[in-house]
Amino acid sequence: MTPVSESTNPSSNDPLGVPAESMIWQVNLATLTLTASWRTPGGGSIPLTIFHDLSFGDLDFTGDLNAFVNDLGDEAEPVSLTLLPNPI
């Protein structure tokens, strides 16, 4: 995954013409768990499930893992991401 700059006009410079978002990550400083969520226009957020798509071998996000599996038929498993402190 590559970070991209945030745009105030989500469809600008977007070849697909659909809104995109780059600021999705949150870190729990007590547990160092990394999670993701979409931000809504009203300032809320929608939590995302980070998962390993076993059918294609990639790492993806979805708002509903069961719906993803049921709709696409892919094998998938949820993934937890945890940062490791630098032992300097």
PDB file of N, CA and C in Angstrom:
ATOM      1  N   MET A   1       0.836  -1.169   0.000  1.00  0.00           N
ATOM      2  CA  MET A   1       0.000   0.000   0.000  1.00  0.00           C
ATOM      3  C   MET A   1       0.883   1.233   0.000  1.00  0.00           C
ATOM      4  N   THR A   2       0.462   2.204  -0.751  1.00  0.00           N
ATOM      5  CA  THR A   2       1.224   3.437  -0.872  1.00  0.00           C
ATOM      6  C   THR A   2       0.379   4.599  -0.381  1.00  0.00           C
ATOM      7  N   PRO A   3       0.935   5.439   0.509  1.00  0.00           N
ATOM      8  CA  PRO A   3       0.160   6.595   0.952  1.00  0.00           C
ATOM      9  C   PRO A   3      -0.040   7.570  -0.198  1.00  0.00           C
ATOM     10  N   VAL A   4      -1.196   8.201  -0.210  1.00  0.00           N
ATOM     11  CA  VAL A   4      -1.490   9.234  -1.202  1.00  0.00           C
ATOM     12  C   VAL A   4      -1.943  10.479  -0.474  1.00  0.00           C
ATOM     13  N   SER A   5      -1.757  11.611  -1.122  1.00  0.00           N
ATOM     14  CA  SER A   5      -2.166  12.849  -0.462  1.00  0.00           C
ATOM     15  C   SER A   5      -3.677  12.952  -0.421  1.00  0.00           C
ATOM     16  N   GLU A   6      -4.178  13.606   0.621  1.00  0.00           N
ATOM     17  CA  GLU A   6      -5.619  13.771   0.779  1.00  0.00           C
ATOM     18  C   GLU A   6      -6.094  14.896  -0.126  1.00  0.00           C
ATOM     19  N   SER A   7      -7.259  14.760  -0.704  1.00  0.00           N
ATOM     20  CA  SER A   7      -7.825  15.755  -1.595  1.00  0.00           C
ATOM     21  C   SER A   7      -9.123  16.292  -1.011  1.00  0.00           C
ATOM     22  N   THR A   8      -9.338  17.598  -1.172  1.00  0.00           N
ATOM     23  CA  THR A   8     -10.617  18.166  -0.745  1.00  0.00           C
ATOM     24  C   THR A   8     -11.685  17.903  -1.797  1.00  0.00           C
ATOM     25  N   ASN A   9     -11.274  17.511  -2.989  1.00  0.00           N
ATOM     26  CA  ASN A   9     -12.201  17.140  -4.057  1.00  0.00           C
ATOM     27  C   ASN A   9     -11.900  15.684  -4.391  1.00  0.00           C
ATOM     28  N   PRO A  10     -12.594  14.733  -3.730  1.00  0.00           N
ATOM     29  CA  PRO A  10     -12.224  13.318  -3.841  1.00  0.00           C
ATOM     30  C   PRO A  10     -12.164  12.754  -5.253  1.00  0.00           C
ATOM     31  N   SER A  11     -12.887  13.320  -6.220  1.00  0.00           N
ATOM     32  CA  SER A  11     -12.844  12.745  -7.559  1.00  0.00           C
ATOM     33  C   SER A  11     -11.814  13.437  -8.456  1.00  0.00           C
ATOM     34  N   SER A  12     -11.074  14.438  -7.930  1.00  0.00           N
ATOM     35  CA  SER A  12     -10.071  15.085  -8.752  1.00  0.00           C
ATOM     36  C   SER A  12      -8.880  14.152  -8.949  1.00  0.00           C
ATOM     37  N   ASN A  13      -8.355  14.129 -10.148  1.00  0.00           N
ATOM     38  CA  ASN A  13      -7.212  13.276 -10.508  1.00  0.00           C
ATOM     39  C   ASN A  13      -7.480  11.803 -10.243  1.00  0.00           C
ATOM     40  N   ASP A  14      -8.720  11.413 -10.245  1.00  0.00           N
ATOM     41  CA  ASP A  14      -9.095  10.025  -9.993  1.00  0.00           C
ATOM     42  C   ASP A  14      -9.573   9.432 -11.309  1.00  0.00           C
ATOM     43  N   PRO A  15      -8.784   8.511 -11.896  1.00  0.00           N
ATOM     44  CA  PRO A  15      -9.182   7.982 -13.207  1.00  0.00           C
ATOM     45  C   PRO A  15     -10.494   7.210 -13.190  1.00  0.00           C
ATOM     46  N   LEU A  16     -10.911   6.733 -12.037  1.00  0.00           N
ATOM     47  CA  LEU A  16     -12.178   6.012 -11.956  1.00  0.00           C
ATOM     48  C   LEU A  16     -13.346   6.937 -11.675  1.00  0.00           C
ATOM     49  N   GLY A  17     -13.053   8.177 -11.257  1.00  0.00           N
ATOM     50  CA  GLY A  17     -14.095   9.151 -11.001  1.00  0.00           C
ATOM     51  C   GLY A  17     -14.917   8.877  -9.756  1.00  0.00           C
ATOM     52  N   VAL A  18     -14.368   8.096  -8.816  1.00  0.00           N
ATOM     53  CA  VAL A  18     -15.089   7.808  -7.581  1.00  0.00           C
ATOM     54  C   VAL A  18     -14.284   8.338  -6.404  1.00  0.00           C
ATOM     55  N   PRO A  19     -14.953   8.695  -5.298  1.00  0.00           N
ATOM     56  CA  PRO A  19     -14.225   9.184  -4.136  1.00  0.00           C
ATOM     57  C   PRO A  19     -13.248   8.137  -3.594  1.00  0.00           C
ATOM     58  N   ALA A  20     -12.131   8.615  -3.065  1.00  0.00           N
ATOM     59  CA  ALA A  20     -11.132   7.749  -2.452  1.00  0.00           C
ATOM     60  C   ALA A  20     -10.694   8.388  -1.141  1.00  0.00           C
ATOM     61  N   GLU A  21     -10.047   7.619  -0.321  1.00  0.00           N
ATOM     62  CA  GLU A  21      -9.622   8.131   0.972  1.00  0.00           C
ATOM     63  C   GLU A  21      -8.262   7.549   1.316  1.00  0.00           C
ATOM     64  N   SER A  22      -7.392   8.374   1.869  1.00  0.00           N
ATOM     65  CA  SER A  22      -6.050   7.902   2.204  1.00  0.00           C
ATOM     66  C   SER A  22      -5.785   7.871   3.704  1.00  0.00           C
ATOM     67  N   MET A  23      -6.557   8.595   4.499  1.00  0.00           N
ATOM     68  CA  MET A  23      -6.315   8.656   5.945  1.00  0.00           C
ATOM     69  C   MET A  23      -7.258   7.692   6.661  1.00  0.00           C
ATOM     70  N   ILE A  24      -6.933   6.399   6.610  1.00  0.00           N
ATOM     71  CA  ILE A  24      -7.837   5.386   7.143  1.00  0.00           C
ATOM     72  C   ILE A  24      -7.307   4.709   8.404  1.00  0.00           C
ATOM     73  N   TRP A  25      -6.051   4.940   8.756  1.00  0.00           N
ATOM     74  CA  TRP A  25      -5.414   4.159   9.821  1.00  0.00           C
ATOM     75  C   TRP A  25      -5.563   4.792  11.196  1.00  0.00           C
ATOM     76  N   GLN A  26      -5.752   3.921  12.204  1.00  0.00           N
ATOM     77  CA  GLN A  26      -5.742   4.334  13.608  1.00  0.00           C
ATOM     78  C   GLN A  26      -4.818   3.369  14.359  1.00  0.00           C
ATOM     79  N   VAL A  27      -4.086   3.916  15.336  1.00  0.00           N
ATOM     80  CA  VAL A  27      -3.219   3.095  16.181  1.00  0.00           C
ATOM     81  C   VAL A  27      -3.679   3.245  17.619  1.00  0.00           C
ATOM     82  N   ASN A  28      -3.936   2.113  18.274  1.00  0.00           N
ATOM     83  CA  ASN A  28      -4.233   2.103  19.696  1.00  0.00           C
ATOM     84  C   ASN A  28      -2.884   2.149  20.402  1.00  0.00           C
ATOM     85  N   LEU A  29      -2.570   3.262  21.060  1.00  0.00           N
ATOM     86  CA  LEU A  29      -1.257   3.438  21.664  1.00  0.00           C
ATOM     87  C   LEU A  29      -1.012   2.512  22.852  1.00  0.00           C
ATOM     88  N   ALA A  30      -2.061   2.000  23.473  1.00  0.00           N
ATOM     89  CA  ALA A  30      -1.890   1.072  24.600  1.00  0.00           C
ATOM     90  C   ALA A  30      -1.525  -0.334  24.118  1.00  0.00           C
ATOM     91  N   THR A  31      -2.138  -0.769  22.997  1.00  0.00           N
ATOM     92  CA  THR A  31      -1.921  -2.137  22.515  1.00  0.00           C
ATOM     93  C   THR A  31      -1.076  -2.202  21.249  1.00  0.00           C
ATOM     94  N   LEU A  32      -0.850  -1.046  20.609  1.00  0.00           N
ATOM     95  CA  LEU A  32      -0.158  -0.927  19.326  1.00  0.00           C
ATOM     96  C   LEU A  32      -0.874  -1.672  18.196  1.00  0.00           C
ATOM     97  N   THR A  33      -2.186  -1.882  18.368  1.00  0.00           N
ATOM     98  CA  THR A  33      -3.003  -2.500  17.325  1.00  0.00           C
ATOM     99  C   THR A  33      -3.321  -1.461  16.262  1.00  0.00           C
ATOM    100  N   LEU A  34      -3.185  -1.868  15.005  1.00  0.00           N
ATOM    101  CA  LEU A  34      -3.467  -1.007  13.865  1.00  0.00           C
ATOM    102  C   LEU A  34      -4.819  -1.399  13.288  1.00  0.00           C
ATOM    103  N   THR A  35      -5.719  -0.440  13.162  1.00  0.00           N
ATOM    104  CA  THR A  35      -7.041  -0.693  12.589  1.00  0.00           C
ATOM    105  C   THR A  35      -7.295   0.322  11.476  1.00  0.00           C
ATOM    106  N   ALA A  36      -8.359   0.070  10.715  1.00  0.00           N
ATOM    107  CA  ALA A  36      -8.704   0.959   9.604  1.00  0.00           C
ATOM    108  C   ALA A  36     -10.186   1.274   9.641  1.00  0.00           C
ATOM    109  N   SER A  37     -10.538   2.471   9.182  1.00  0.00           N
ATOM    110  CA  SER A  37     -11.950   2.845   9.044  1.00  0.00           C
ATOM    111  C   SER A  37     -12.078   3.956   8.013  1.00  0.00           C
ATOM    112  N   TRP A  38     -13.240   3.956   7.325  1.00  0.00           N
ATOM    113  CA  TRP A  38     -13.562   5.035   6.401  1.00  0.00           C
ATOM    114  C   TRP A  38     -14.157   6.176   7.199  1.00  0.00           C
ATOM    115  N   ARG A  39     -13.876   7.383   6.800  1.00  0.00           N
ATOM    116  CA  ARG A  39     -14.491   8.553   7.415  1.00  0.00           C
ATOM    117  C   ARG A  39     -15.718   8.947   6.608  1.00  0.00           C
ATOM    118  N   THR A  40     -16.798   9.249   7.310  1.00  0.00           N
ATOM    119  CA  THR A  40     -18.020   9.665   6.634  1.00  0.00           C
ATOM    120  C   THR A  40     -18.016  11.180   6.468  1.00  0.00           C
ATOM    121  N   PRO A  41     -18.776  11.705   5.516  1.00  0.00           N
ATOM    122  CA  PRO A  41     -18.825  13.161   5.328  1.00  0.00           C
ATOM    123  C   PRO A  41     -19.260  13.907   6.582  1.00  0.00           C
ATOM    124  N   GLY A  42     -20.057  13.271   7.440  1.00  0.00           N
ATOM    125  CA  GLY A  42     -20.522  13.916   8.659  1.00  0.00           C
ATOM    126  C   GLY A  42     -19.526  13.859   9.810  1.00  0.00           C
ATOM    127  N   GLY A  43     -18.358  13.277   9.587  1.00  0.00           N
ATOM    128  CA  GLY A  43     -17.336  13.220  10.630  1.00  0.00           C
ATOM    129  C   GLY A  43     -17.288  11.904  11.387  1.00  0.00           C
ATOM    130  N   GLY A  44     -18.199  10.985  11.100  1.00  0.00           N
ATOM    131  CA  GLY A  44     -18.173   9.676  11.744  1.00  0.00           C
ATOM    132  C   GLY A  44     -17.202   8.742  11.047  1.00  0.00           C
ATOM    133  N   SER A  45     -17.212   7.487  11.453  1.00  0.00           N
ATOM    134  CA  SER A  45     -16.337   6.520  10.803  1.00  0.00           C
ATOM    135  C   SER A  45     -17.030   5.166  10.707  1.00  0.00           C
ATOM    136  N   ILE A  46     -16.609   4.397   9.725  1.00  0.00           N
ATOM    137  CA  ILE A  46     -17.118   3.044   9.509  1.00  0.00           C
ATOM    138  C   ILE A  46     -15.932   2.097   9.643  1.00  0.00           C
ATOM    139  N   PRO A  47     -15.946   1.211  10.641  1.00  0.00           N
ATOM    140  CA  PRO A  47     -14.801   0.307  10.818  1.00  0.00           C
ATOM    141  C   PRO A  47     -14.661  -0.663   9.645  1.00  0.00           C
ATOM    142  N   LEU A  48     -13.430  -0.951   9.299  1.00  0.00           N
ATOM    143  CA  LEU A  48     -13.131  -1.888   8.221  1.00  0.00           C
ATOM    144  C   LEU A  48     -12.497  -3.148   8.786  1.00  0.00           C
ATOM    145  N   THR A  49     -12.789  -4.278   8.163  1.00  0.00           N
ATOM    146  CA  THR A  49     -12.119  -5.522   8.498  1.00  0.00           C
ATOM    147  C   THR A  49     -10.951  -5.680   7.533  1.00  0.00           C
ATOM    148  N   ILE A  50      -9.767  -5.862   8.088  1.00  0.00           N
ATOM    149  CA  ILE A  50      -8.587  -6.146   7.282  1.00  0.00           C
ATOM    150  C   ILE A  50      -8.542  -7.666   7.138  1.00  0.00           C
ATOM    151  N   PHE A  51      -8.389  -8.148   5.906  1.00  0.00           N
ATOM    152  CA  PHE A  51      -8.420  -9.595   5.721  1.00  0.00           C
ATOM    153  C   PHE A  51      -7.450 -10.066   4.647  1.00  0.00           C
ATOM    154  N   HIS A  52      -7.091 -11.327   4.754  1.00  0.00           N
ATOM    155  CA  HIS A  52      -6.255 -12.000   3.758  1.00  0.00           C
ATOM    156  C   HIS A  52      -7.184 -12.758   2.835  1.00  0.00           C
ATOM    157  N   ASP A  53      -7.160 -12.405   1.555  1.00  0.00           N
ATOM    158  CA  ASP A  53      -7.964 -13.097   0.550  1.00  0.00           C
ATOM    159  C   ASP A  53      -7.159 -14.313   0.102  1.00  0.00           C
ATOM    160  N   LEU A  54      -7.531 -15.479   0.614  1.00  0.00           N
ATOM    161  CA  LEU A  54      -6.793 -16.709   0.325  1.00  0.00           C
ATOM    162  C   LEU A  54      -6.911 -17.119  -1.134  1.00  0.00           C
ATOM    163  N   SER A  55      -7.969 -16.693  -1.811  1.00  0.00           N
ATOM    164  CA  SER A  55      -8.155 -17.042  -3.218  1.00  0.00           C
ATOM    165  C   SER A  55      -7.144 -16.340  -4.114  1.00  0.00           C
ATOM    166  N   PHE A  56      -6.735 -15.118  -3.733  1.00  0.00           N
ATOM    167  CA  PHE A  56      -5.807 -14.344  -4.558  1.00  0.00           C
ATOM    168  C   PHE A  56      -4.493 -14.040  -3.851  1.00  0.00           C
ATOM    169  N   GLY A  57      -4.421 -14.296  -2.541  1.00  0.00           N
ATOM    170  CA  GLY A  57      -3.188 -14.078  -1.805  1.00  0.00           C
ATOM    171  C   GLY A  57      -2.902 -12.632  -1.468  1.00  0.00           C
ATOM    172  N   ASP A  58      -3.924 -11.779  -1.485  1.00  0.00           N
ATOM    173  CA  ASP A  58      -3.670 -10.374  -1.177  1.00  0.00           C
ATOM    174  C   ASP A  58      -4.327  -9.947   0.131  1.00  0.00           C
ATOM    175  N   LEU A  59      -3.961  -8.768   0.566  1.00  0.00           N
ATOM    176  CA  LEU A  59      -4.498  -8.165   1.782  1.00  0.00           C
ATOM    177  C   LEU A  59      -5.502  -7.114   1.352  1.00  0.00           C
ATOM    178  N   ASP A  60      -6.716  -7.164   1.921  1.00  0.00           N
ATOM    179  CA  ASP A  60      -7.788  -6.265   1.501  1.00  0.00           C
ATOM    180  C   ASP A  60      -8.533  -5.708   2.711  1.00  0.00           C
ATOM    181  N   PHE A  61      -9.486  -4.825   2.426  1.00  0.00           N
ATOM    182  CA  PHE A  61     -10.360  -4.225   3.428  1.00  0.00           C
ATOM    183  C   PHE A  61     -11.802  -4.412   2.990  1.00  0.00           C
ATOM    184  N   THR A  62     -12.690  -4.556   3.967  1.00  0.00           N
ATOM    185  CA  THR A  62     -14.122  -4.575   3.666  1.00  0.00           C
ATOM    186  C   THR A  62     -14.887  -4.099   4.898  1.00  0.00           C
ATOM    187  N   GLY A  63     -16.069  -3.587   4.660  1.00  0.00           N
ATOM    188  CA  GLY A  63     -16.935  -3.221   5.767  1.00  0.00           C
ATOM    189  C   GLY A  63     -17.705  -4.406   6.311  1.00  0.00           C
ATOM    190  N   ASP A  64     -17.792  -5.491   5.522  1.00  0.00           N
ATOM    191  CA  ASP A  64     -18.548  -6.681   5.929  1.00  0.00           C
ATOM    192  C   ASP A  64     -17.898  -7.911   5.298  1.00  0.00           C
ATOM    193  N   LEU A  65     -17.080  -8.629   6.076  1.00  0.00           N
ATOM    194  CA  LEU A  65     -16.340  -9.772   5.552  1.00  0.00           C
ATOM    195  C   LEU A  65     -17.271 -10.889   5.092  1.00  0.00           C
ATOM    196  N   ASN A  66     -18.347 -11.146   5.840  1.00  0.00           N
ATOM    197  CA  ASN A  66     -19.283 -12.198   5.434  1.00  0.00           C
ATOM    198  C   ASN A  66     -19.931 -11.874   4.095  1.00  0.00           C
ATOM    199  N   ALA A  67     -20.323 -10.621   3.898  1.00  0.00           N
ATOM    200  CA  ALA A  67     -20.930 -10.220   2.618  1.00  0.00           C
ATOM    201  C   ALA A  67     -19.916 -10.354   1.486  1.00  0.00           C
ATOM    202  N   PHE A  68     -18.665  -9.989   1.736  1.00  0.00           N
ATOM    203  CA  PHE A  68     -17.627 -10.122   0.723  1.00  0.00           C
ATOM    204  C   PHE A  68     -17.490 -11.580   0.286  1.00  0.00           C
ATOM    205  N   VAL A  69     -17.373 -12.482   1.264  1.00  0.00           N
ATOM    206  CA  VAL A  69     -17.214 -13.909   0.973  1.00  0.00           C
ATOM    207  C   VAL A  69     -18.444 -14.451   0.251  1.00  0.00           C
ATOM    208  N   ASN A  70     -19.637 -14.087   0.728  1.00  0.00           N
ATOM    209  CA  ASN A  70     -20.873 -14.574   0.105  1.00  0.00           C
ATOM    210  C   ASN A  70     -21.053 -14.049  -1.317  1.00  0.00           C
ATOM    211  N   ASP A  71     -20.721 -12.783  -1.541  1.00  0.00           N
ATOM    212  CA  ASP A  71     -20.910 -12.180  -2.865  1.00  0.00           C
ATOM    213  C   ASP A  71     -19.883 -12.667  -3.883  1.00  0.00           C
ATOM    214  N   LEU A  72     -18.620 -12.800  -3.455  1.00  0.00           N
ATOM    215  CA  LEU A  72     -17.554 -13.120  -4.408  1.00  0.00           C
ATOM    216  C   LEU A  72     -17.109 -14.579  -4.367  1.00  0.00           C
ATOM    217  N   GLY A  73     -17.444 -15.281  -3.286  1.00  0.00           N
ATOM    218  CA  GLY A  73     -17.062 -16.679  -3.187  1.00  0.00           C
ATOM    219  C   GLY A  73     -15.601 -16.914  -2.870  1.00  0.00           C
ATOM    220  N   ASP A  74     -14.876 -15.859  -2.518  1.00  0.00           N
ATOM    221  CA  ASP A  74     -13.458 -16.015  -2.174  1.00  0.00           C
ATOM    222  C   ASP A  74     -13.313 -16.587  -0.774  1.00  0.00           C
ATOM    223  N   GLU A  75     -12.222 -17.301  -0.547  1.00  0.00           N
ATOM    224  CA  GLU A  75     -11.870 -17.725   0.807  1.00  0.00           C
ATOM    225  C   GLU A  75     -11.138 -16.558   1.448  1.00  0.00           C
ATOM    226  N   ALA A  76     -11.507 -16.203   2.671  1.00  0.00           N
ATOM    227  CA  ALA A  76     -10.881 -15.062   3.326  1.00  0.00           C
ATOM    228  C   ALA A  76     -10.795 -15.301   4.824  1.00  0.00           C
ATOM    229  N   GLU A  77      -9.756 -14.711   5.426  1.00  0.00           N
ATOM    230  CA  GLU A  77      -9.599 -14.793   6.874  1.00  0.00           C
ATOM    231  C   GLU A  77      -9.251 -13.407   7.414  1.00  0.00           C
ATOM    232  N   PRO A  78      -9.869 -13.003   8.536  1.00  0.00           N
ATOM    233  CA  PRO A  78      -9.543 -11.700   9.113  1.00  0.00           C
ATOM    234  C   PRO A  78      -8.099 -11.686   9.599  1.00  0.00           C
ATOM    235  N   VAL A  79      -7.508 -10.495   9.564  1.00  0.00           N
ATOM    236  CA  VAL A  79      -6.116 -10.310   9.955  1.00  0.00           C
ATOM    237  C   VAL A  79      -6.046  -9.215  11.006  1.00  0.00           C
ATOM    238  N   SER A  80      -5.239  -9.424  12.023  1.00  0.00           N
ATOM    239  CA  SER A  80      -4.952  -8.386  13.017  1.00  0.00           C
ATOM    240  C   SER A  80      -3.540  -7.874  12.770  1.00  0.00           C
ATOM    241  N   LEU A  81      -3.402  -6.564  12.761  1.00  0.00           N
ATOM    242  CA  LEU A  81      -2.082  -5.954  12.568  1.00  0.00           C
ATOM    243  C   LEU A  81      -1.653  -5.291  13.872  1.00  0.00           C
ATOM    244  N   THR A  82      -0.442  -5.600  14.306  1.00  0.00           N
ATOM    245  CA  THR A  82       0.095  -5.031  15.538  1.00  0.00           C
ATOM    246  C   THR A  82       1.490  -4.493  15.256  1.00  0.00           C
ATOM    247  N   LEU A  83       1.724  -3.263  15.668  1.00  0.00           N
ATOM    248  CA  LEU A  83       3.044  -2.664  15.499  1.00  0.00           C
ATOM    249  C   LEU A  83       3.985  -3.198  16.578  1.00  0.00           C
ATOM    250  N   LEU A  84       5.239  -3.354  16.231  1.00  0.00           N
ATOM    251  CA  LEU A  84       6.237  -3.800  17.198  1.00  0.00           C
ATOM    252  C   LEU A  84       7.121  -2.617  17.560  1.00  0.00           C
ATOM    253  N   PRO A  85       7.326  -2.371  18.852  1.00  0.00           N
ATOM    254  CA  PRO A  85       8.175  -1.247  19.244  1.00  0.00           C
ATOM    255  C   PRO A  85       9.623  -1.496  18.821  1.00  0.00           C
ATOM    256  N   ASN A  86      10.300  -0.426  18.480  1.00  0.00           N
ATOM    257  CA  ASN A  86      11.705  -0.502  18.107  1.00  0.00           C
ATOM    258  C   ASN A  86      12.540  -0.634  19.382  1.00  0.00           C
ATOM    259  N   PRO A  87      13.286  -1.735  19.541  1.00  0.00           N
ATOM    260  CA  PRO A  87      14.027  -1.959  20.795  1.00  0.00           C
ATOM    261  C   PRO A  87      15.367  -1.242  20.851  1.00  0.00           C
ATOM    262  N   ILE A  88      15.406   0.015  20.467  1.00  0.00           N
ATOM    263  CA  ILE A  88      16.675   0.766  20.458  1.00  0.00           C
ATOM    264  C   ILE A  88      17.208   0.942  21.857  1.00  0.00           C
TER     265      ILE A  88
END
